[in-house]
Amino acid sequence: LAFWTALAKRLRPAAILEVGAGLGRITEALARQAPSVGIDLSLPMLALAQSRKRPRSRASFVAADMRRFDFARTFDLVIAIGVIPWLHSERLALREMQRVLKPDGYLLVTADNNARLNRILDPLSSPLLIPLRLAAKRFLRLWGLWRPNSAFQPKRHSPRQFDRFIGDCGFKCVKSGTVGFGPFTFLGKAVLTDAIGI
């Protein structure tokens, strides 16, 4: 939370939009700097965020679909933390974020890195072993020993792939970086505590 509010402070926005606000902690913290709107699809989350608001807060919470906002080009800063992996179409959402930003506005966004260290080290998730895993799944499916998970799976992107999404949606990347390593697993089982992994 402190990282995002410090970063936003350096950008000096006059109006802020948080996409996927959830409980509203970031929106509420950012509202100390400028009027902030937090959007989410979950009405129970928005109700909780609204109930936790400080008196005289400049935060507001609105139910909205990330593919289409009811805002004009209003915001100096759009922030989307932990949202991209859960979207069916990240391009639609990114284009909409671009549409509501003022021409000199900023987007702060995170994506789940497919090539982060903990994924590379676990054979069940390593991008380096994709061909081997695909062959094993085909074999197991042929013998009726494996069925794909039909539930929605969060998406992961390589940094290069995500930079391409950003460019395709009309953004110019000013700065990017990768953070985070855990949890460390081997064959899907935890091998280090979070404290040691970090």
C-alpha atoms as a PDB file:
ATOM      1  CA  LEU A   1       0.000   0.000   0.000  1.00  0.00           C
ATOM      2  CA  ALA A   2       2.772   2.441   0.936  1.00  0.00           C
ATOM      3  CA  PHE A   3       4.589   1.675  -2.338  1.00  0.00           C
ATOM      4  CA  TRP A   4       1.566   2.571  -4.504  1.00  0.00           C
ATOM      5  CA  THR A   5       0.657   5.710  -2.582  1.00  0.00           C
ATOM      6  CA  ALA A   6       4.283   6.950  -2.680  1.00  0.00           C
ATOM      7  CA  LEU A   7       4.437   6.309  -6.424  1.00  0.00           C
ATOM      8  CA  ALA A   8       1.130   8.094  -6.979  1.00  0.00           C
ATOM      9  CA  LYS A   9       2.327  11.051  -4.912  1.00  0.00           C
ATOM     10  CA  ARG A  10       5.311  11.523  -7.249  1.00  0.00           C
ATOM     11  CA  LEU A  11       2.911  11.700 -10.228  1.00  0.00           C
ATOM     12  CA  ARG A  12       0.734  14.408  -8.552  1.00  0.00           C
ATOM     13  CA  PRO A  13      -2.622  13.343 -10.042  1.00  0.00           C
ATOM     14  CA  ALA A  14      -5.705  15.545  -9.721  1.00  0.00           C
ATOM     15  CA  ALA A  15      -8.126  12.611 -10.195  1.00  0.00           C
ATOM     16  CA  ILE A  16      -7.489   8.879  -9.695  1.00  0.00           C
ATOM     17  CA  LEU A  17      -9.317   5.723 -10.789  1.00  0.00           C
ATOM     18  CA  GLU A  18      -8.600   2.336  -9.213  1.00  0.00           C
ATOM     19  CA  VAL A  19      -9.780  -0.600 -11.327  1.00  0.00           C
ATOM     20  CA  GLY A  20     -10.663  -3.694  -9.295  1.00  0.00           C
ATOM     21  CA  ALA A  21     -10.818  -1.792  -6.007  1.00  0.00           C
ATOM     22  CA  GLY A  22     -11.994  -4.729  -3.885  1.00  0.00           C
ATOM     23  CA  LEU A  23     -12.112  -3.596  -0.248  1.00  0.00           C
ATOM     24  CA  GLY A  24     -11.007  -0.110  -1.301  1.00  0.00           C
ATOM     25  CA  ARG A  25      -7.835   0.149   0.770  1.00  0.00           C
ATOM     26  CA  ILE A  26      -5.774   1.612  -2.084  1.00  0.00           C
ATOM     27  CA  THR A  27      -8.587   3.906  -3.269  1.00  0.00           C
ATOM     28  CA  GLU A  28      -9.058   5.208   0.271  1.00  0.00           C
ATOM     29  CA  ALA A  29      -5.318   5.795   0.740  1.00  0.00           C
ATOM     30  CA  LEU A  30      -5.017   7.547  -2.641  1.00  0.00           C
ATOM     31  CA  ALA A  31      -7.999   9.787  -1.774  1.00  0.00           C
ATOM     32  CA  ARG A  32      -5.748  11.562   0.728  1.00  0.00           C
ATOM     33  CA  GLN A  33      -3.864  12.937  -2.299  1.00  0.00           C
ATOM     34  CA  ALA A  34      -6.696  13.514  -4.787  1.00  0.00           C
ATOM     35  CA  PRO A  35     -10.346  12.587  -5.361  1.00  0.00           C
ATOM     36  CA  SER A  36     -10.343   8.847  -6.106  1.00  0.00           C
ATOM     37  CA  VAL A  37     -12.887   6.484  -7.608  1.00  0.00           C
ATOM     38  CA  GLY A  38     -12.678   2.746  -7.003  1.00  0.00           C
ATOM     39  CA  ILE A  39     -14.570   0.435  -9.343  1.00  0.00           C
ATOM     40  CA  ASP A  40     -15.321  -3.256  -8.998  1.00  0.00           C
ATOM     41  CA  LEU A  41     -17.909  -5.742 -10.258  1.00  0.00           C
ATOM     42  CA  SER A  42     -18.483  -7.252  -6.810  1.00  0.00           C
ATOM     43  CA  LEU A  43     -21.327  -5.455  -5.048  1.00  0.00           C
ATOM     44  CA  PRO A  44     -20.531  -7.042  -1.641  1.00  0.00           C
ATOM     45  CA  MET A  45     -16.901  -5.827  -1.926  1.00  0.00           C
ATOM     46  CA  LEU A  46     -18.053  -2.330  -2.857  1.00  0.00           C
ATOM     47  CA  ALA A  47     -20.504  -2.269   0.062  1.00  0.00           C
ATOM     48  CA  LEU A  48     -17.676  -3.237   2.425  1.00  0.00           C
ATOM     49  CA  ALA A  49     -15.380  -0.581   0.909  1.00  0.00           C
ATOM     50  CA  GLN A  50     -18.115   2.037   1.301  1.00  0.00           C
ATOM     51  CA  SER A  51     -18.734   1.035   4.931  1.00  0.00           C
ATOM     52  CA  ARG A  52     -15.010   1.365   5.777  1.00  0.00           C
ATOM     53  CA  LYS A  53     -14.631   4.873   4.332  1.00  0.00           C
ATOM     54  CA  ARG A  54     -13.279   7.595   6.614  1.00  0.00           C
ATOM     55  CA  PRO A  55     -15.549  10.572   7.314  1.00  0.00           C
ATOM     56  CA  ARG A  56     -15.048  13.353   4.711  1.00  0.00           C
ATOM     57  CA  SER A  57     -13.057  10.968   2.508  1.00  0.00           C
ATOM     58  CA  ARG A  58     -12.605  11.952  -1.148  1.00  0.00           C
ATOM     59  CA  ALA A  59     -13.003   8.289  -2.164  1.00  0.00           C
ATOM     60  CA  SER A  60     -16.080   7.010  -3.955  1.00  0.00           C
ATOM     61  CA  PHE A  61     -16.946   3.484  -5.033  1.00  0.00           C
ATOM     62  CA  VAL A  62     -18.849   2.516  -8.170  1.00  0.00           C
ATOM     63  CA  ALA A  63     -20.012  -0.811  -9.613  1.00  0.00           C
ATOM     64  CA  ALA A  64     -18.569  -1.087 -13.110  1.00  0.00           C
ATOM     65  CA  ASP A  65     -17.495  -3.658 -15.668  1.00  0.00           C
ATOM     66  CA  MET A  66     -13.808  -3.333 -16.526  1.00  0.00           C
ATOM     67  CA  ARG A  67     -14.608  -3.675 -20.220  1.00  0.00           C
ATOM     68  CA  ARG A  68     -16.744  -0.521 -20.266  1.00  0.00           C
ATOM     69  CA  PHE A  69     -16.579   2.371 -17.779  1.00  0.00           C
ATOM     70  CA  ASP A  70     -19.139   5.150 -17.550  1.00  0.00           C
ATOM     71  CA  PHE A  71     -16.442   7.816 -17.442  1.00  0.00           C
ATOM     72  CA  ALA A  72     -15.117  10.277 -19.967  1.00  0.00           C
ATOM     73  CA  ARG A  73     -11.406  11.127 -20.309  1.00  0.00           C
ATOM     74  CA  THR A  74     -11.295  12.246 -16.684  1.00  0.00           C
ATOM     75  CA  PHE A  75      -8.355  10.729 -14.819  1.00  0.00           C
ATOM     76  CA  ASP A  76      -4.697  11.662 -14.430  1.00  0.00           C
ATOM     77  CA  LEU A  77      -3.906   8.254 -12.956  1.00  0.00           C
ATOM     78  CA  VAL A  78      -5.462   4.816 -13.427  1.00  0.00           C
ATOM     79  CA  ILE A  79      -4.222   2.078 -11.122  1.00  0.00           C
ATOM     80  CA  ALA A  80      -4.937  -1.654 -11.595  1.00  0.00           C
ATOM     81  CA  ILE A  81      -3.171  -3.876  -9.062  1.00  0.00           C
ATOM     82  CA  GLY A  82      -3.719  -7.644  -9.292  1.00  0.00           C
ATOM     83  CA  VAL A  83      -6.526  -7.297 -11.842  1.00  0.00           C
ATOM     84  CA  ILE A  84      -5.056  -8.307 -15.225  1.00  0.00           C
ATOM     85  CA  PRO A  85      -4.600 -12.043 -14.456  1.00  0.00           C
ATOM     86  CA  TRP A  86      -8.330 -12.398 -13.733  1.00  0.00           C
ATOM     87  CA  LEU A  87      -9.710 -10.737 -16.876  1.00  0.00           C
ATOM     88  CA  HIS A  88     -11.118 -12.652 -19.823  1.00  0.00           C
ATOM     89  CA  SER A  89      -9.853  -9.913 -22.144  1.00  0.00           C
ATOM     90  CA  GLU A  90      -6.958  -7.870 -20.836  1.00  0.00           C
ATOM     91  CA  ARG A  91      -6.843  -5.905 -24.102  1.00  0.00           C
ATOM     92  CA  LEU A  92     -10.435  -4.678 -23.716  1.00  0.00           C
ATOM     93  CA  ALA A  93      -9.761  -3.563 -20.151  1.00  0.00           C
ATOM     94  CA  LEU A  94      -6.452  -1.868 -21.047  1.00  0.00           C
ATOM     95  CA  ARG A  95      -8.077  -0.013 -23.955  1.00  0.00           C
ATOM     96  CA  GLU A  96     -10.817   1.190 -21.633  1.00  0.00           C
ATOM     97  CA  MET A  97      -8.238   2.336 -19.074  1.00  0.00           C
ATOM     98  CA  GLN A  98      -6.466   4.228 -21.858  1.00  0.00           C
ATOM     99  CA  ARG A  99      -9.750   5.811 -22.970  1.00  0.00           C
ATOM    100  CA  VAL A 100     -10.510   7.321 -19.530  1.00  0.00           C
ATOM    101  CA  LEU A 101      -6.992   8.676 -18.995  1.00  0.00           C
ATOM    102  CA  LYS A 102      -6.170  12.273 -19.855  1.00  0.00           C
ATOM    103  CA  PRO A 103      -3.573  12.551 -22.666  1.00  0.00           C
ATOM    104  CA  ASP A 104      -0.729  13.131 -20.176  1.00  0.00           C
ATOM    105  CA  GLY A 105      -2.063  10.613 -17.628  1.00  0.00           C
ATOM    106  CA  TYR A 106      -0.380   7.538 -16.171  1.00  0.00           C
ATOM    107  CA  LEU A 107      -1.327   3.892 -15.772  1.00  0.00           C
ATOM    108  CA  LEU A 108       0.111   1.854 -12.878  1.00  0.00           C
ATOM    109  CA  VAL A 109      -0.614  -1.801 -13.582  1.00  0.00           C
ATOM    110  CA  THR A 110       0.592  -5.225 -12.471  1.00  0.00           C
ATOM    111  CA  ALA A 111       0.518  -8.537 -14.307  1.00  0.00           C
ATOM    112  CA  ASP A 112       1.466 -12.031 -13.183  1.00  0.00           C
ATOM    113  CA  ASN A 113       4.932 -12.853 -14.578  1.00  0.00           C
ATOM    114  CA  ASN A 114       4.996 -16.273 -16.245  1.00  0.00           C
ATOM    115  CA  ALA A 115       8.791 -16.423 -16.041  1.00  0.00           C
ATOM    116  CA  ARG A 116       9.291 -15.540 -12.376  1.00  0.00           C
ATOM    117  CA  LEU A 117      11.827 -17.603 -10.442  1.00  0.00           C
ATOM    118  CA  ASN A 118       9.420 -19.788  -8.457  1.00  0.00           C
ATOM    119  CA  ARG A 119       7.603 -20.860 -11.653  1.00  0.00           C
ATOM    120  CA  ILE A 120      10.844 -21.680 -13.456  1.00  0.00           C
ATOM    121  CA  LEU A 121      12.054 -23.890 -10.595  1.00  0.00           C
ATOM    122  CA  ASP A 122       8.883 -26.022 -10.295  1.00  0.00           C
ATOM    123  CA  PRO A 123       8.567 -28.633 -13.098  1.00  0.00           C
ATOM    124  CA  LEU A 124       4.756 -28.349 -12.942  1.00  0.00           C
ATOM    125  CA  SER A 125       4.829 -24.670 -13.889  1.00  0.00           C
ATOM    126  CA  SER A 126       8.157 -24.011 -15.608  1.00  0.00           C
ATOM    127  CA  PRO A 127       7.697 -22.381 -19.037  1.00  0.00           C
ATOM    128  CA  LEU A 128      10.845 -24.246 -20.085  1.00  0.00           C
ATOM    129  CA  LEU A 129       9.012 -27.584 -19.755  1.00  0.00           C
ATOM    130  CA  ILE A 130       5.792 -26.679 -21.593  1.00  0.00           C
ATOM    131  CA  PRO A 131       6.438 -29.104 -24.515  1.00  0.00           C
ATOM    132  CA  LEU A 132       7.074 -31.992 -22.103  1.00  0.00           C
ATOM    133  CA  ARG A 133       3.974 -31.194 -20.021  1.00  0.00           C
ATOM    134  CA  LEU A 134       1.775 -30.943 -23.141  1.00  0.00           C
ATOM    135  CA  ALA A 135       3.007 -34.348 -24.361  1.00  0.00           C
ATOM    136  CA  ALA A 136       2.357 -35.896 -20.921  1.00  0.00           C
ATOM    137  CA  LYS A 137      -1.170 -34.393 -20.800  1.00  0.00           C
ATOM    138  CA  ARG A 138      -1.992 -35.747 -24.273  1.00  0.00           C
ATOM    139  CA  PHE A 139      -0.818 -39.203 -23.223  1.00  0.00           C
ATOM    140  CA  LEU A 140      -2.744 -39.126 -19.931  1.00  0.00           C
ATOM    141  CA  ARG A 141      -5.894 -37.791 -21.640  1.00  0.00           C
ATOM    142  CA  LEU A 142      -5.669 -40.582 -24.252  1.00  0.00           C
ATOM    143  CA  TRP A 143      -5.762 -43.170 -21.437  1.00  0.00           C
ATOM    144  CA  GLY A 144      -8.491 -41.302 -19.505  1.00  0.00           C
ATOM    145  CA  LEU A 145      -6.141 -40.474 -16.635  1.00  0.00           C
ATOM    146  CA  TRP A 146      -6.314 -36.668 -16.914  1.00  0.00           C
ATOM    147  CA  ARG A 147      -9.045 -34.116 -17.537  1.00  0.00           C
ATOM    148  CA  PRO A 148      -8.340 -30.407 -17.965  1.00  0.00           C
ATOM    149  CA  ASN A 149      -9.479 -28.064 -15.210  1.00  0.00           C
ATOM    150  CA  SER A 150     -12.584 -26.302 -16.560  1.00  0.00           C
ATOM    151  CA  ALA A 151     -12.479 -23.476 -13.977  1.00  0.00           C
ATOM    152  CA  PHE A 152     -11.074 -20.104 -15.019  1.00  0.00           C
ATOM    153  CA  GLN A 153      -7.313 -20.022 -14.488  1.00  0.00           C
ATOM    154  CA  PRO A 154      -5.538 -16.710 -13.811  1.00  0.00           C
ATOM    155  CA  LYS A 155      -3.456 -15.594 -16.779  1.00  0.00           C
ATOM    156  CA  ARG A 156       0.288 -15.106 -16.717  1.00  0.00           C
ATOM    157  CA  HIS A 157       2.326 -13.114 -19.211  1.00  0.00           C
ATOM    158  CA  SER A 158       5.986 -12.732 -19.959  1.00  0.00           C
ATOM    159  CA  PRO A 159       7.237  -9.152 -19.449  1.00  0.00           C
ATOM    160  CA  ARG A 160       7.761  -8.855 -23.232  1.00  0.00           C
ATOM    161  CA  GLN A 161       4.230 -10.073 -23.966  1.00  0.00           C
ATOM    162  CA  PHE A 162       2.707  -7.655 -21.468  1.00  0.00           C
ATOM    163  CA  ASP A 163       4.758  -4.735 -22.835  1.00  0.00           C
ATOM    164  CA  ARG A 164       3.312  -5.612 -26.259  1.00  0.00           C
ATOM    165  CA  PHE A 165      -0.258  -5.510 -24.822  1.00  0.00           C
ATOM    166  CA  ILE A 166       0.469  -2.097 -23.330  1.00  0.00           C
ATOM    167  CA  GLY A 167       1.769  -0.762 -26.667  1.00  0.00           C
ATOM    168  CA  ASP A 168      -1.144  -2.264 -28.636  1.00  0.00           C
ATOM    169  CA  CYS A 169      -3.579  -0.444 -26.350  1.00  0.00           C
ATOM    170  CA  GLY A 170      -2.052   3.001 -26.940  1.00  0.00           C
ATOM    171  CA  PHE A 171       0.256   3.281 -23.940  1.00  0.00           C
ATOM    172  CA  LYS A 172       3.911   4.218 -23.947  1.00  0.00           C
ATOM    173  CA  CYS A 173       5.874   2.293 -21.334  1.00  0.00           C
ATOM    174  CA  VAL A 174       7.765   4.784 -19.157  1.00  0.00           C
ATOM    175  CA  LYS A 175       9.120   2.299 -16.643  1.00  0.00           C
ATOM    176  CA  SER A 176       8.603  -1.346 -15.785  1.00  0.00           C
ATOM    177  CA  GLY A 177      10.047  -3.908 -13.454  1.00  0.00           C
ATOM    178  CA  THR A 178       9.462  -7.312 -11.955  1.00  0.00           C
ATOM    179  CA  VAL A 179       8.965  -8.111  -8.285  1.00  0.00           C
ATOM    180  CA  GLY A 180       8.069 -11.141  -6.201  1.00  0.00           C
ATOM    181  CA  PHE A 181       9.387 -14.674  -6.044  1.00  0.00           C
ATOM    182  CA  GLY A 182       7.159 -16.900  -3.944  1.00  0.00           C
ATOM    183  CA  PRO A 183       5.693 -19.176  -2.956  1.00  0.00           C
ATOM    184  CA  PHE A 184       8.401 -21.700  -3.813  1.00  0.00           C
ATOM    185  CA  THR A 185       7.031 -25.136  -4.671  1.00  0.00           C
ATOM    186  CA  PHE A 186       8.240 -28.416  -6.120  1.00  0.00           C
ATOM    187  CA  LEU A 187       5.628 -30.447  -8.002  1.00  0.00           C
ATOM    188  CA  GLY A 188       3.036 -28.045  -6.614  1.00  0.00           C
ATOM    189  CA  LYS A 189       3.923 -28.643  -2.949  1.00  0.00           C
ATOM    190  CA  ALA A 190       5.347 -25.842  -0.772  1.00  0.00           C
ATOM    191  CA  VAL A 191       9.057 -26.298   0.033  1.00  0.00           C
ATOM    192  CA  LEU A 192       9.808 -22.987   1.790  1.00  0.00           C
ATOM    193  CA  THR A 193       7.863 -20.834   4.182  1.00  0.00           C
ATOM    194  CA  ASP A 194       6.794 -17.446   2.794  1.00  0.00           C
ATOM    195  CA  ALA A 195       9.240 -15.659   5.117  1.00  0.00           C
ATOM    196  CA  ILE A 196      12.221 -17.672   3.818  1.00  0.00           C
ATOM    197  CA  GLY A 197      11.002 -17.500   0.218  1.00  0.00           C
ATOM    198  CA  ILE A 198      10.776 -13.711   0.332  1.00  0.00           C
END
